Amino acid sequence: SLGGIDIRSTEDFNSVVRGFTSGETVRM
């Protein structure tokens, strides 16, 4: 999980990372 969102594929991962902004702290 990344930022509270379940990661089940590389597509999920790339989609979540694109939503981050610089300086944002994310839980993994």
mmCIF file of all heavy atoms, coordinates in Angstrom:
data_MODEL
# 
_entry.id   MODEL 
# 
loop_
_atom_site.group_PDB 
_atom_site.id 
_atom_site.type_symbol 
_atom_site.label_atom_id 
_atom_site.label_alt_id 
_atom_site.label_comp_id 
_atom_site.label_asym_id 
_atom_site.label_entity_id 
_atom_site.label_seq_id 
_atom_site.pdbx_PDB_ins_code 
_atom_site.Cartn_x 
_atom_site.Cartn_y 
_atom_site.Cartn_z 
_atom_site.occupancy 
_atom_site.B_iso_or_equiv 
_atom_site.pdbx_formal_charge 
_atom_site.auth_seq_id 
_atom_site.auth_comp_id 
_atom_site.auth_asym_id 
_atom_site.auth_atom_id 
_atom_site.pdbx_PDB_model_num 
ATOM 1   N N   . SER A 1 1  ? 0.848  -1.200 0.000   1.00 0.00 ? 1  SER A N   1 
ATOM 2   C CA  . SER A 1 1  ? 0.000  0.000  0.000   1.00 0.00 ? 1  SER A CA  1 
ATOM 3   C C   . SER A 1 1  ? 0.874  1.238  0.000   1.00 0.00 ? 1  SER A C   1 
ATOM 4   O O   . SER A 1 1  ? 1.992  1.225  0.520   1.00 0.00 ? 1  SER A O   1 
ATOM 5   C CB  . SER A 1 1  ? -0.949 0.014  1.209   1.00 0.00 ? 1  SER A CB  1 
ATOM 6   O OG  . SER A 1 1  ? -0.269 0.335  2.395   1.00 0.00 ? 1  SER A OG  1 
ATOM 7   N N   . LEU A 1 2  ? 0.350  2.294  -0.609  1.00 0.00 ? 2  LEU A N   1 
ATOM 8   C CA  . LEU A 1 2  ? 1.084  3.543  -0.759  1.00 0.00 ? 2  LEU A CA  1 
ATOM 9   C C   . LEU A 1 2  ? 0.096  4.695  -0.577  1.00 0.00 ? 2  LEU A C   1 
ATOM 10  O O   . LEU A 1 2  ? -0.880 4.798  -1.313  1.00 0.00 ? 2  LEU A O   1 
ATOM 11  C CB  . LEU A 1 2  ? 1.732  3.598  -2.142  1.00 0.00 ? 2  LEU A CB  1 
ATOM 12  C CG  . LEU A 1 2  ? 2.688  4.732  -2.461  1.00 0.00 ? 2  LEU A CG  1 
ATOM 13  C CD1 . LEU A 1 2  ? 3.861  4.744  -1.497  1.00 0.00 ? 2  LEU A CD1 1 
ATOM 14  C CD2 . LEU A 1 2  ? 3.191  4.605  -3.898  1.00 0.00 ? 2  LEU A CD2 1 
ATOM 15  N N   . GLY A 1 3  ? 0.325  5.519  0.433   1.00 0.00 ? 3  GLY A N   1 
ATOM 16  C CA  . GLY A 1 3  ? -0.587 6.622  0.701   1.00 0.00 ? 3  GLY A CA  1 
ATOM 17  C C   . GLY A 1 3  ? -1.980 6.157  1.061   1.00 0.00 ? 3  GLY A C   1 
ATOM 18  O O   . GLY A 1 3  ? -2.963 6.841  0.752   1.00 0.00 ? 3  GLY A O   1 
ATOM 19  N N   . GLY A 1 4  ? -2.080 4.987  1.714   1.00 0.00 ? 4  GLY A N   1 
ATOM 20  C CA  . GLY A 1 4  ? -3.377 4.467  2.119   1.00 0.00 ? 4  GLY A CA  1 
ATOM 21  C C   . GLY A 1 4  ? -4.143 3.760  1.020   1.00 0.00 ? 4  GLY A C   1 
ATOM 22  O O   . GLY A 1 4  ? -5.292 3.348  1.227   1.00 0.00 ? 4  GLY A O   1 
ATOM 23  N N   . ILE A 1 5  ? -3.528 3.586  -0.156  1.00 0.00 ? 5  ILE A N   1 
ATOM 24  C CA  . ILE A 1 5  ? -4.197 2.947  -1.300  1.00 0.00 ? 5  ILE A CA  1 
ATOM 25  C C   . ILE A 1 5  ? -3.529 1.603  -1.574  1.00 0.00 ? 5  ILE A C   1 
ATOM 26  O O   . ILE A 1 5  ? -2.295 1.513  -1.655  1.00 0.00 ? 5  ILE A O   1 
ATOM 27  C CB  . ILE A 1 5  ? -4.121 3.839  -2.551  1.00 0.00 ? 5  ILE A CB  1 
ATOM 28  C CG1 . ILE A 1 5  ? -4.840 5.163  -2.286  1.00 0.00 ? 5  ILE A CG1 1 
ATOM 29  C CG2 . ILE A 1 5  ? -4.726 3.138  -3.758  1.00 0.00 ? 5  ILE A CG2 1 
ATOM 30  C CD1 . ILE A 1 5  ? -4.657 6.192  -3.375  1.00 0.00 ? 5  ILE A CD1 1 
ATOM 31  N N   . ASP A 1 6  ? -4.339 0.556  -1.690  1.00 0.00 ? 6  ASP A N   1 
ATOM 32  C CA  . ASP A 1 6  ? -3.803 -0.779 -1.979  1.00 0.00 ? 6  ASP A CA  1 
ATOM 33  C C   . ASP A 1 6  ? -3.157 -0.803 -3.355  1.00 0.00 ? 6  ASP A C   1 
ATOM 34  O O   . ASP A 1 6  ? -3.719 -0.296 -4.334  1.00 0.00 ? 6  ASP A O   1 
ATOM 35  C CB  . ASP A 1 6  ? -4.916 -1.828 -1.917  1.00 0.00 ? 6  ASP A CB  1 
ATOM 36  C CG  . ASP A 1 6  ? -5.415 -2.058 -0.501  1.00 0.00 ? 6  ASP A CG  1 
ATOM 37  O OD1 . ASP A 1 6  ? -4.674 -1.726 0.449   1.00 0.00 ? 6  ASP A OD1 1 
ATOM 38  O OD2 . ASP A 1 6  ? -6.545 -2.555 -0.349  1.00 0.00 ? 6  ASP A OD2 1 
ATOM 39  N N   . ILE A 1 7  ? -1.978 -1.391 -3.441  1.00 0.00 ? 7  ILE A N   1 
ATOM 40  C CA  . ILE A 1 7  ? -1.240 -1.506 -4.699  1.00 0.00 ? 7  ILE A CA  1 
ATOM 41  C C   . ILE A 1 7  ? -1.266 -2.958 -5.142  1.00 0.00 ? 7  ILE A C   1 
ATOM 42  O O   . ILE A 1 7  ? -0.744 -3.835 -4.457  1.00 0.00 ? 7  ILE A O   1 
ATOM 43  C CB  . ILE A 1 7  ? 0.221  -1.025 -4.533  1.00 0.00 ? 7  ILE A CB  1 
ATOM 44  C CG1 . ILE A 1 7  ? 0.263  0.409  -3.995  1.00 0.00 ? 7  ILE A CG1 1 
ATOM 45  C CG2 . ILE A 1 7  ? 0.964  -1.145 -5.846  1.00 0.00 ? 7  ILE A CG2 1 
ATOM 46  C CD1 . ILE A 1 7  ? -0.351 1.439  -4.907  1.00 0.00 ? 7  ILE A CD1 1 
ATOM 47  N N   . ARG A 1 8  ? -1.866 -3.221 -6.292  1.00 0.00 ? 8  ARG A N   1 
ATOM 48  C CA  . ARG A 1 8  ? -1.982 -4.584 -6.806  1.00 0.00 ? 8  ARG A CA  1 
ATOM 49  C C   . ARG A 1 8  ? -1.286 -4.773 -8.145  1.00 0.00 ? 8  ARG A C   1 
ATOM 50  O O   . ARG A 1 8  ? -1.221 -5.890 -8.652  1.00 0.00 ? 8  ARG A O   1 
ATOM 51  C CB  . ARG A 1 8  ? -3.454 -4.978 -6.932  1.00 0.00 ? 8  ARG A CB  1 
ATOM 52  C CG  . ARG A 1 8  ? -4.200 -4.928 -5.597  1.00 0.00 ? 8  ARG A CG  1 
ATOM 53  C CD  . ARG A 1 8  ? -5.633 -5.371 -5.737  1.00 0.00 ? 8  ARG A CD  1 
ATOM 54  N NE  . ARG A 1 8  ? -6.328 -5.329 -4.459  1.00 0.00 ? 8  ARG A NE  1 
ATOM 55  C CZ  . ARG A 1 8  ? -6.307 -6.292 -3.547  1.00 0.00 ? 8  ARG A CZ  1 
ATOM 56  N NH1 . ARG A 1 8  ? -5.603 -7.387 -3.780  1.00 0.00 ? 8  ARG A NH1 1 
ATOM 57  N NH2 . ARG A 1 8  ? -6.960 -6.164 -2.412  1.00 0.00 ? 8  ARG A NH2 1 
ATOM 58  N N   . SER A 1 9  ? -0.809 -3.671 -8.731  1.00 0.00 ? 9  SER A N   1 
ATOM 59  C CA  . SER A 1 9  ? -0.150 -3.780 -10.033 1.00 0.00 ? 9  SER A CA  1 
ATOM 60  C C   . SER A 1 9  ? 0.758  -2.572 -10.231 1.00 0.00 ? 9  SER A C   1 
ATOM 61  O O   . SER A 1 9  ? 0.663  -1.574 -9.506  1.00 0.00 ? 9  SER A O   1 
ATOM 62  C CB  . SER A 1 9  ? -1.188 -3.834 -11.165 1.00 0.00 ? 9  SER A CB  1 
ATOM 63  O OG  . SER A 1 9  ? -1.886 -2.606 -11.235 1.00 0.00 ? 9  SER A OG  1 
ATOM 64  N N   . THR A 1 10 ? 1.638  -2.665 -11.236 1.00 0.00 ? 10 THR A N   1 
ATOM 65  C CA  . THR A 1 10 ? 2.490  -1.513 -11.557 1.00 0.00 ? 10 THR A CA  1 
ATOM 66  C C   . THR A 1 10 ? 1.637  -0.332 -12.017 1.00 0.00 ? 10 THR A C   1 
ATOM 67  O O   . THR A 1 10 ? 1.993  0.824  -11.789 1.00 0.00 ? 10 THR A O   1 
ATOM 68  C CB  . THR A 1 10 ? 3.498  -1.882 -12.659 1.00 0.00 ? 10 THR A CB  1 
ATOM 69  O OG1 . THR A 1 10 ? 2.792  -2.400 -13.795 1.00 0.00 ? 10 THR A OG1 1 
ATOM 70  C CG2 . THR A 1 10 ? 4.482  -2.914 -12.165 1.00 0.00 ? 10 THR A CG2 1 
ATOM 71  N N   . GLU A 1 11 ? 0.500  -0.621 -12.650 1.00 0.00 ? 11 GLU A N   1 
ATOM 72  C CA  . GLU A 1 11 ? -0.410 0.457  -13.060 1.00 0.00 ? 11 GLU A CA  1 
ATOM 73  C C   . GLU A 1 11 ? -0.930 1.205  -11.834 1.00 0.00 ? 11 GLU A C   1 
ATOM 74  O O   . GLU A 1 11 ? -0.986 2.440  -11.834 1.00 0.00 ? 11 GLU A O   1 
ATOM 75  C CB  . GLU A 1 11 ? -1.567 -0.111 -13.872 1.00 0.00 ? 11 GLU A CB  1 
ATOM 76  C CG  . GLU A 1 11 ? -2.524 0.961  -14.392 1.00 0.00 ? 11 GLU A CG  1 
ATOM 77  C CD  . GLU A 1 11 ? -3.707 0.366  -15.133 1.00 0.00 ? 11 GLU A CD  1 
ATOM 78  O OE1 . GLU A 1 11 ? -3.949 -0.857 -15.017 1.00 0.00 ? 11 GLU A OE1 1 
ATOM 79  O OE2 . GLU A 1 11 ? -4.392 1.132  -15.826 1.00 0.00 ? 11 GLU A OE2 1 
ATOM 80  N N   . ASP A 1 12 ? -1.313 0.465  -10.796 1.00 0.00 ? 12 ASP A N   1 
ATOM 81  C CA  . ASP A 1 12 ? -1.745 1.110  -9.557  1.00 0.00 ? 12 ASP A CA  1 
ATOM 82  C C   . ASP A 1 12 ? -0.626 1.976  -8.994  1.00 0.00 ? 12 ASP A C   1 
ATOM 83  O O   . ASP A 1 12 ? -0.854 3.120  -8.573  1.00 0.00 ? 12 ASP A O   1 
ATOM 84  C CB  . ASP A 1 12 ? -2.128 0.058  -8.508  1.00 0.00 ? 12 ASP A CB  1 
ATOM 85  C CG  . ASP A 1 12 ? -3.431 -0.653 -8.822  1.00 0.00 ? 12 ASP A CG  1 
ATOM 86  O OD1 . ASP A 1 12 ? -4.182 -0.160 -9.679  1.00 0.00 ? 12 ASP A OD1 1 
ATOM 87  O OD2 . ASP A 1 12 ? -3.682 -1.711 -8.210  1.00 0.00 ? 12 ASP A OD2 1 
ATOM 88  N N   . PHE A 1 13 ? 0.578  1.432  -8.958  1.00 0.00 ? 13 PHE A N   1 
ATOM 89  C CA  . PHE A 1 13 ? 1.720  2.160  -8.399  1.00 0.00 ? 13 PHE A CA  1 
ATOM 90  C C   . PHE A 1 13 ? 1.959  3.466  -9.149  1.00 0.00 ? 13 PHE A C   1 
ATOM 91  O O   . PHE A 1 13 ? 2.072  4.539  -8.547  1.00 0.00 ? 13 PHE A O   1 
ATOM 92  C CB  . PHE A 1 13 ? 2.966  1.276  -8.446  1.00 0.00 ? 13 PHE A CB  1 
ATOM 93  C CG  . PHE A 1 13 ? 4.230  1.985  -8.072  1.00 0.00 ? 13 PHE A CG  1 
ATOM 94  C CD1 . PHE A 1 13 ? 4.551  2.209  -6.741  1.00 0.00 ? 13 PHE A CD1 1 
ATOM 95  C CD2 . PHE A 1 13 ? 5.109  2.435  -9.052  1.00 0.00 ? 13 PHE A CD2 1 
ATOM 96  C CE1 . PHE A 1 13 ? 5.721  2.878  -6.392  1.00 0.00 ? 13 PHE A CE1 1 
ATOM 97  C CE2 . PHE A 1 13 ? 6.278  3.098  -8.715  1.00 0.00 ? 13 PHE A CE2 1 
ATOM 98  C CZ  . PHE A 1 13 ? 6.581  3.319  -7.379  1.00 0.00 ? 13 PHE A CZ  1 
ATOM 99  N N   . ASN A 1 14 ? 2.055  3.394  -10.488 1.00 0.00 ? 14 ASN A N   1 
ATOM 100 C CA  . ASN A 1 14 ? 2.328  4.596  -11.278 1.00 0.00 ? 14 ASN A CA  1 
ATOM 101 C C   . ASN A 1 14 ? 1.219  5.625  -11.128 1.00 0.00 ? 14 ASN A C   1 
ATOM 102 O O   . ASN A 1 14 ? 1.481  6.833  -11.062 1.00 0.00 ? 14 ASN A O   1 
ATOM 103 C CB  . ASN A 1 14 ? 2.502  4.227  -12.750 1.00 0.00 ? 14 ASN A CB  1 
ATOM 104 C CG  . ASN A 1 14 ? 3.740  3.390  -12.996 1.00 0.00 ? 14 ASN A CG  1 
ATOM 105 O OD1 . ASN A 1 14 ? 4.714  3.488  -12.265 1.00 0.00 ? 14 ASN A OD1 1 
ATOM 106 N ND2 . ASN A 1 14 ? 3.694  2.546  -14.015 1.00 0.00 ? 14 ASN A ND2 1 
ATOM 107 N N   . SER A 1 15 ? -0.026 5.169  -11.074 1.00 0.00 ? 15 SER A N   1 
ATOM 108 C CA  . SER A 1 15 ? -1.155 6.078  -10.934 1.00 0.00 ? 15 SER A CA  1 
ATOM 109 C C   . SER A 1 15 ? -1.110 6.810  -9.597  1.00 0.00 ? 15 SER A C   1 
ATOM 110 O O   . SER A 1 15 ? -1.349 8.026  -9.538  1.00 0.00 ? 15 SER A O   1 
ATOM 111 C CB  . SER A 1 15 ? -2.473 5.301  -11.063 1.00 0.00 ? 15 SER A CB  1 
ATOM 112 O OG  . SER A 1 15 ? -3.575 6.129  -10.834 1.00 0.00 ? 15 SER A OG  1 
ATOM 113 N N   . VAL A 1 16 ? -0.778 6.095  -8.534  1.00 0.00 ? 16 VAL A N   1 
ATOM 114 C CA  . VAL A 1 16 ? -0.722 6.721  -7.208  1.00 0.00 ? 16 VAL A CA  1 
ATOM 115 C C   . VAL A 1 16 ? 0.434  7.713  -7.131  1.00 0.00 ? 16 VAL A C   1 
ATOM 116 O O   . VAL A 1 16 ? 0.280  8.832  -6.627  1.00 0.00 ? 16 VAL A O   1 
ATOM 117 C CB  . VAL A 1 16 ? -0.599 5.648  -6.109  1.00 0.00 ? 16 VAL A CB  1 
ATOM 118 C CG1 . VAL A 1 16 ? -0.345 6.293  -4.750  1.00 0.00 ? 16 VAL A CG1 1 
ATOM 119 C CG2 . VAL A 1 16 ? -1.863 4.810  -6.045  1.00 0.00 ? 16 VAL A CG2 1 
ATOM 120 N N   . VAL A 1 17 ? 1.591  7.329  -7.641  1.00 0.00 ? 17 VAL A N   1 
ATOM 121 C CA  . VAL A 1 17 ? 2.764  8.209  -7.573  1.00 0.00 ? 17 VAL A CA  1 
ATOM 122 C C   . VAL A 1 17 ? 2.520  9.501  -8.349  1.00 0.00 ? 17 VAL A C   1 
ATOM 123 O O   . VAL A 1 17 ? 2.951  10.579 -7.923  1.00 0.00 ? 17 VAL A O   1 
ATOM 124 C CB  . VAL A 1 17 ? 4.019  7.481  -8.095  1.00 0.00 ? 17 VAL A CB  1 
ATOM 125 C CG1 . VAL A 1 17 ? 5.194  8.448  -8.244  1.00 0.00 ? 17 VAL A CG1 1 
ATOM 126 C CG2 . VAL A 1 17 ? 4.409  6.351  -7.150  1.00 0.00 ? 17 VAL A CG2 1 
ATOM 127 N N   . ARG A 1 18 ? 1.809  9.418  -9.475  1.00 0.00 ? 18 ARG A N   1 
ATOM 128 C CA  . ARG A 1 18 ? 1.523  10.624 -10.259 1.00 0.00 ? 18 ARG A CA  1 
ATOM 129 C C   . ARG A 1 18 ? 0.685  11.622 -9.461  1.00 0.00 ? 18 ARG A C   1 
ATOM 130 O O   . ARG A 1 18 ? 0.711  12.817 -9.738  1.00 0.00 ? 18 ARG A O   1 
ATOM 131 C CB  . ARG A 1 18 ? 0.795  10.265 -11.555 1.00 0.00 ? 18 ARG A CB  1 
ATOM 132 C CG  . ARG A 1 18 ? 1.706  9.755  -12.649 1.00 0.00 ? 18 ARG A CG  1 
ATOM 133 C CD  . ARG A 1 18 ? 1.022  9.818  -14.011 1.00 0.00 ? 18 ARG A CD  1 
ATOM 134 N NE  . ARG A 1 18 ? -0.180 9.016  -14.054 1.00 0.00 ? 18 ARG A NE  1 
ATOM 135 C CZ  . ARG A 1 18 ? -0.223 7.747  -14.416 1.00 0.00 ? 18 ARG A CZ  1 
ATOM 136 N NH1 . ARG A 1 18 ? 0.900  7.124  -14.751 1.00 0.00 ? 18 ARG A NH1 1 
ATOM 137 N NH2 . ARG A 1 18 ? -1.350 7.075  -14.438 1.00 0.00 ? 18 ARG A NH2 1 
ATOM 138 N N   . GLY A 1 19 ? -0.058 11.136 -8.462  1.00 0.00 ? 19 GLY A N   1 
ATOM 139 C CA  . GLY A 1 19 ? -0.901 12.029 -7.674  1.00 0.00 ? 19 GLY A CA  1 
ATOM 140 C C   . GLY A 1 19 ? -0.180 12.721 -6.538  1.00 0.00 ? 19 GLY A C   1 
ATOM 141 O O   . GLY A 1 19 ? -0.757 13.595 -5.873  1.00 0.00 ? 19 GLY A O   1 
ATOM 142 N N   . PHE A 1 20 ? 1.090  12.376 -6.296  1.00 0.00 ? 20 PHE A N   1 
ATOM 143 C CA  . PHE A 1 20 ? 1.838  13.009 -5.213  1.00 0.00 ? 20 PHE A CA  1 
ATOM 144 C C   . PHE A 1 20 ? 2.314  14.400 -5.631  1.00 0.00 ? 20 PHE A C   1 
ATOM 145 O O   . PHE A 1 20 ? 2.537  14.669 -6.814  1.00 0.00 ? 20 PHE A O   1 
ATOM 146 C CB  . PHE A 1 20 ? 3.062  12.178 -4.821  1.00 0.00 ? 20 PHE A CB  1 
ATOM 147 C CG  . PHE A 1 20 ? 2.738  10.831 -4.233  1.00 0.00 ? 20 PHE A CG  1 
ATOM 148 C CD1 . PHE A 1 20 ? 3.659  9.797  -4.261  1.00 0.00 ? 20 PHE A CD1 1 
ATOM 149 C CD2 . PHE A 1 20 ? 1.506  10.602 -3.648  1.00 0.00 ? 20 PHE A CD2 1 
ATOM 150 C CE1 . PHE A 1 20 ? 3.374  8.556  -3.722  1.00 0.00 ? 20 PHE A CE1 1 
ATOM 151 C CE2 . PHE A 1 20 ? 1.198  9.359  -3.110  1.00 0.00 ? 20 PHE A CE2 1 
ATOM 152 C CZ  . PHE A 1 20 ? 2.132  8.341  -3.141  1.00 0.00 ? 20 PHE A CZ  1 
ATOM 153 N N   . THR A 1 21 ? 2.495  15.263 -4.642  1.00 0.00 ? 21 THR A N   1 
ATOM 154 C CA  . THR A 1 21 ? 3.124  16.563 -4.874  1.00 0.00 ? 21 THR A CA  1 
ATOM 155 C C   . THR A 1 21 ? 4.434  16.607 -4.114  1.00 0.00 ? 21 THR A C   1 
ATOM 156 O O   . THR A 1 21 ? 4.620  15.907 -3.113  1.00 0.00 ? 21 THR A O   1 
ATOM 157 C CB  . THR A 1 21 ? 2.212  17.718 -4.430  1.00 0.00 ? 21 THR A CB  1 
ATOM 158 O OG1 . THR A 1 21 ? 1.799  17.500 -3.070  1.00 0.00 ? 21 THR A OG1 1 
ATOM 159 C CG2 . THR A 1 21 ? 0.988  17.820 -5.304  1.00 0.00 ? 21 THR A CG2 1 
ATOM 160 N N   . SER A 1 22 ? 5.353  17.443 -4.583  1.00 0.00 ? 22 SER A N   1 
ATOM 161 C CA  . SER A 1 22 ? 6.673  17.495 -3.953  1.00 0.00 ? 22 SER A CA  1 
ATOM 162 C C   . SER A 1 22 ? 6.541  17.953 -2.504  1.00 0.00 ? 22 SER A C   1 
ATOM 163 O O   . SER A 1 22 ? 5.763  18.852 -2.177  1.00 0.00 ? 22 SER A O   1 
ATOM 164 C CB  . SER A 1 22 ? 7.588  18.449 -4.722  1.00 0.00 ? 22 SER A CB  1 
ATOM 165 O OG  . SER A 1 22 ? 7.040  19.754 -4.745  1.00 0.00 ? 22 SER A OG  1 
ATOM 166 N N   . GLY A 1 23 ? 7.301  17.294 -1.633  1.00 0.00 ? 23 GLY A N   1 
ATOM 167 C CA  . GLY A 1 23 ? 7.261  17.617 -0.215  1.00 0.00 ? 23 GLY A CA  1 
ATOM 168 C C   . GLY A 1 23 ? 6.218  16.842 0.560   1.00 0.00 ? 23 GLY A C   1 
ATOM 169 O O   . GLY A 1 23 ? 6.190  16.901 1.794   1.00 0.00 ? 23 GLY A O   1 
ATOM 170 N N   . GLU A 1 24 ? 5.361  16.107 -0.139  1.00 0.00 ? 24 GLU A N   1 
ATOM 171 C CA  . GLU A 1 24 ? 4.309  15.341 0.533   1.00 0.00 ? 24 GLU A CA  1 
ATOM 172 C C   . GLU A 1 24 ? 4.906  14.083 1.171   1.00 0.00 ? 24 GLU A C   1 
ATOM 173 O O   . GLU A 1 24 ? 5.679  13.363 0.554   1.00 0.00 ? 24 GLU A O   1 
ATOM 174 C CB  . GLU A 1 24 ? 3.234  14.952 -0.482  1.00 0.00 ? 24 GLU A CB  1 
ATOM 175 C CG  . GLU A 1 24 ? 2.060  14.198 0.106   1.00 0.00 ? 24 GLU A CG  1 
ATOM 176 C CD  . GLU A 1 24 ? 0.998  13.884 -0.934  1.00 0.00 ? 24 GLU A CD  1 
ATOM 177 O OE1 . GLU A 1 24 ? 1.155  14.304 -2.105  1.00 0.00 ? 24 GLU A OE1 1 
ATOM 178 O OE2 . GLU A 1 24 ? 0.009  13.222 -0.584  1.00 0.00 ? 24 GLU A OE2 1 
ATOM 179 N N   . THR A 1 25 ? 4.545  13.827 2.420   1.00 0.00 ? 25 THR A N   1 
ATOM 180 C CA  . THR A 1 25 ? 4.996  12.630 3.117   1.00 0.00 ? 25 THR A CA  1 
ATOM 181 C C   . THR A 1 25 ? 3.934  11.553 3.005   1.00 0.00 ? 25 THR A C   1 
ATOM 182 O O   . THR A 1 25 ? 2.763  11.795 3.287   1.00 0.00 ? 25 THR A O   1 
ATOM 183 C CB  . THR A 1 25 ? 5.290  12.926 4.597   1.00 0.00 ? 25 THR A CB  1 
ATOM 184 O OG1 . THR A 1 25 ? 6.334  13.917 4.675   1.00 0.00 ? 25 THR A OG1 1 
ATOM 185 C CG2 . THR A 1 25 ? 5.751  11.673 5.328   1.00 0.00 ? 25 THR A CG2 1 
ATOM 186 N N   . VAL A 1 26 ? 4.351  10.367 2.570   1.00 0.00 ? 26 VAL A N   1 
ATOM 187 C CA  . VAL A 1 26 ? 3.431  9.285  2.257   1.00 0.00 ? 26 VAL A CA  1 
ATOM 188 C C   . VAL A 1 26 ? 3.807  8.044  3.067   1.00 0.00 ? 26 VAL A C   1 
ATOM 189 O O   . VAL A 1 26 ? 4.984  7.709  3.198   1.00 0.00 ? 26 VAL A O   1 
ATOM 190 C CB  . VAL A 1 26 ? 3.469  8.952  0.752   1.00 0.00 ? 26 VAL A CB  1 
ATOM 191 C CG1 . VAL A 1 26 ? 2.435  7.899  0.416   1.00 0.00 ? 26 VAL A CG1 1 
ATOM 192 C CG2 . VAL A 1 26 ? 3.254  10.201 -0.085  1.00 0.00 ? 26 VAL A CG2 1 
ATOM 193 N N   . ARG A 1 27 ? 2.806  7.361  3.585   1.00 0.00 ? 27 ARG A N   1 
ATOM 194 C CA  . ARG A 1 27 ? 3.046  6.122  4.319   1.00 0.00 ? 27 ARG A CA  1 
ATOM 195 C C   . ARG A 1 27 ? 3.044  4.931  3.366   1.00 0.00 ? 27 ARG A C   1 
ATOM 196 O O   . ARG A 1 27 ? 2.278  4.883  2.419   1.00 0.00 ? 27 ARG A O   1 
ATOM 197 C CB  . ARG A 1 27 ? 1.967  5.928  5.389   1.00 0.00 ? 27 ARG A CB  1 
ATOM 198 C CG  . ARG A 1 27 ? 1.974  6.991  6.471   1.00 0.00 ? 27 ARG A CG  1 
ATOM 199 C CD  . ARG A 1 27 ? 0.825  6.792  7.422   1.00 0.00 ? 27 ARG A CD  1 
ATOM 200 N NE  . ARG A 1 27 ? 0.707  7.892  8.365   1.00 0.00 ? 27 ARG A NE  1 
ATOM 201 C CZ  . ARG A 1 27 ? -0.342 8.079  9.168   1.00 0.00 ? 27 ARG A CZ  1 
ATOM 202 N NH1 . ARG A 1 27 ? -1.364 7.227  9.110   1.00 0.00 ? 27 ARG A NH1 1 
ATOM 203 N NH2 . ARG A 1 27 ? -0.375 9.100  9.992   1.00 0.00 ? 27 ARG A NH2 1 
ATOM 204 N N   . MET A 1 28 ? 3.914  3.972  3.663   1.00 0.00 ? 28 MET A N   1 
ATOM 205 C CA  . MET A 1 28 ? 4.024  2.770  2.846   1.00 0.00 ? 28 MET A CA  1 
ATOM 206 C C   . MET A 1 28 ? 3.897  1.542  3.741   1.00 0.00 ? 28 MET A C   1 
ATOM 207 O O   . MET A 1 28 ? 4.360  1.542  4.879   1.00 0.00 ? 28 MET A O   1 
ATOM 208 C CB  . MET A 1 28 ? 5.375  2.719  2.116   1.00 0.00 ? 28 MET A CB  1 
ATOM 209 C CG  . MET A 1 28 ? 5.724  3.954  1.347   1.00 0.00 ? 28 MET A CG  1 
ATOM 210 S SD  . MET A 1 28 ? 7.395  3.872  0.636   1.00 0.00 ? 28 MET A SD  1 
ATOM 211 C CE  . MET A 1 28 ? 7.173  2.650  -0.652  1.00 0.00 ? 28 MET A CE  1 
# 
